[in-house]
Amino acid sequence: MASRQYHSFGDFYPFYLTEHSRSGTRRLHFAGTLLVLLTLAYSLATRRWGLLALHRVYSLAGDFRMFADMARGRGPF
């Protein structure tokens, strides 16, 4: 499979949605994103910054965008 090049998150997000088109996958990512938010809140409250070693920024951004879309009823749950 050829590697795709994305110049912006706007270019990447439609592809991300096609890769997460199954409802079970979306629900798992929704739950995972909620865990990231809880981890962030915990890290801020306890100052345990090692828990915030985040990578793959576009993928995490996709999780947050899909989470927001689903929470607003704009995407299938």
Protein backbone atom coordinates (compact mmCIF):
# COMPACT_ATOMS: atom_id res chain seq x y z
CA MET A 1 0.00 0.00 0.00
CA ALA A 2 1.39 3.40 -0.96
CA SER A 3 1.96 5.96 1.75
CA ARG A 4 -0.41 8.91 1.52
CA GLN A 5 0.71 12.48 2.03
CA TYR A 6 -1.52 14.90 3.89
CA HIS A 7 -0.82 18.59 3.93
CA SER A 8 -3.36 19.44 6.61
CA PHE A 9 -5.69 17.85 9.08
CA GLY A 10 -8.56 18.80 6.76
CA ASP A 11 -7.00 16.58 4.10
CA PHE A 12 -6.44 13.74 6.55
CA TYR A 13 -9.81 13.66 8.36
CA PRO A 14 -11.98 12.26 5.48
CA PHE A 15 -9.51 9.37 5.11
CA TYR A 16 -9.53 8.87 8.89
CA LEU A 17 -13.32 8.56 8.86
CA THR A 18 -13.24 5.92 6.12
CA GLU A 19 -10.72 3.94 8.17
CA HIS A 20 -13.09 4.10 11.16
CA SER A 21 -16.40 3.53 9.37
CA ARG A 22 -17.57 0.55 11.47
CA SER A 23 -19.72 1.52 14.47
CA GLY A 24 -17.74 -0.75 16.82
CA THR A 25 -14.50 0.93 15.82
CA ARG A 26 -15.99 4.38 16.30
CA ARG A 27 -17.33 3.44 19.73
CA LEU A 28 -13.95 2.09 20.83
CA HIS A 29 -12.26 5.28 19.67
CA PHE A 30 -14.92 7.36 21.43
CA ALA A 31 -14.20 5.49 24.68
CA GLY A 32 -10.45 5.76 24.11
CA THR A 33 -10.70 9.49 23.51
CA LEU A 34 -12.69 9.85 26.72
CA LEU A 35 -9.87 8.01 28.52
CA VAL A 36 -7.34 10.44 26.99
CA LEU A 37 -9.40 13.36 28.30
CA LEU A 38 -9.58 11.79 31.75
CA THR A 39 -5.83 11.11 31.68
CA LEU A 40 -5.17 14.72 30.71
CA ALA A 41 -7.35 15.98 33.57
CA TYR A 42 -5.63 13.60 35.99
CA SER A 43 -2.18 14.66 34.76
CA LEU A 44 -3.04 18.31 35.20
CA ALA A 45 -4.45 17.73 38.67
CA THR A 46 -1.55 15.60 39.92
CA ARG A 47 1.26 17.06 37.76
CA ARG A 48 2.24 13.61 36.49
CA TRP A 49 3.34 14.80 33.06
CA GLY A 50 4.78 11.46 31.94
CA LEU A 51 1.25 10.29 31.21
CA LEU A 52 1.02 12.86 28.41
CA ALA A 53 3.60 11.29 26.06
CA LEU A 54 1.33 11.71 23.00
CA HIS A 55 2.35 10.86 19.45
CA ARG A 56 0.68 10.58 16.10
CA VAL A 57 -0.87 13.98 16.38
CA TYR A 58 -3.15 13.66 13.36
CA SER A 59 -4.60 10.38 14.61
CA LEU A 60 -5.30 11.81 18.06
CA ALA A 61 -6.77 14.93 16.45
CA GLY A 62 -8.98 12.60 14.40
CA ASP A 63 -10.16 10.91 17.59
CA PHE A 64 -11.09 14.27 19.11
CA ARG A 65 -12.86 15.45 15.96
CA MET A 66 -14.80 12.19 15.64
CA PHE A 67 -15.64 12.36 19.38
CA ALA A 68 -16.99 15.89 18.93
CA ASP A 69 -18.96 14.92 15.81
CA MET A 70 -20.51 11.93 17.58
CA ALA A 71 -21.27 13.91 20.74
CA ARG A 72 -23.06 16.54 18.64
CA GLY A 73 -25.00 13.92 16.69
CA ARG A 74 -23.22 14.81 13.45
CA GLY A 75 -21.68 11.40 12.92
CA PRO A 76 -22.90 7.85 13.34
CA PHE A 77 -22.41 6.34 16.79
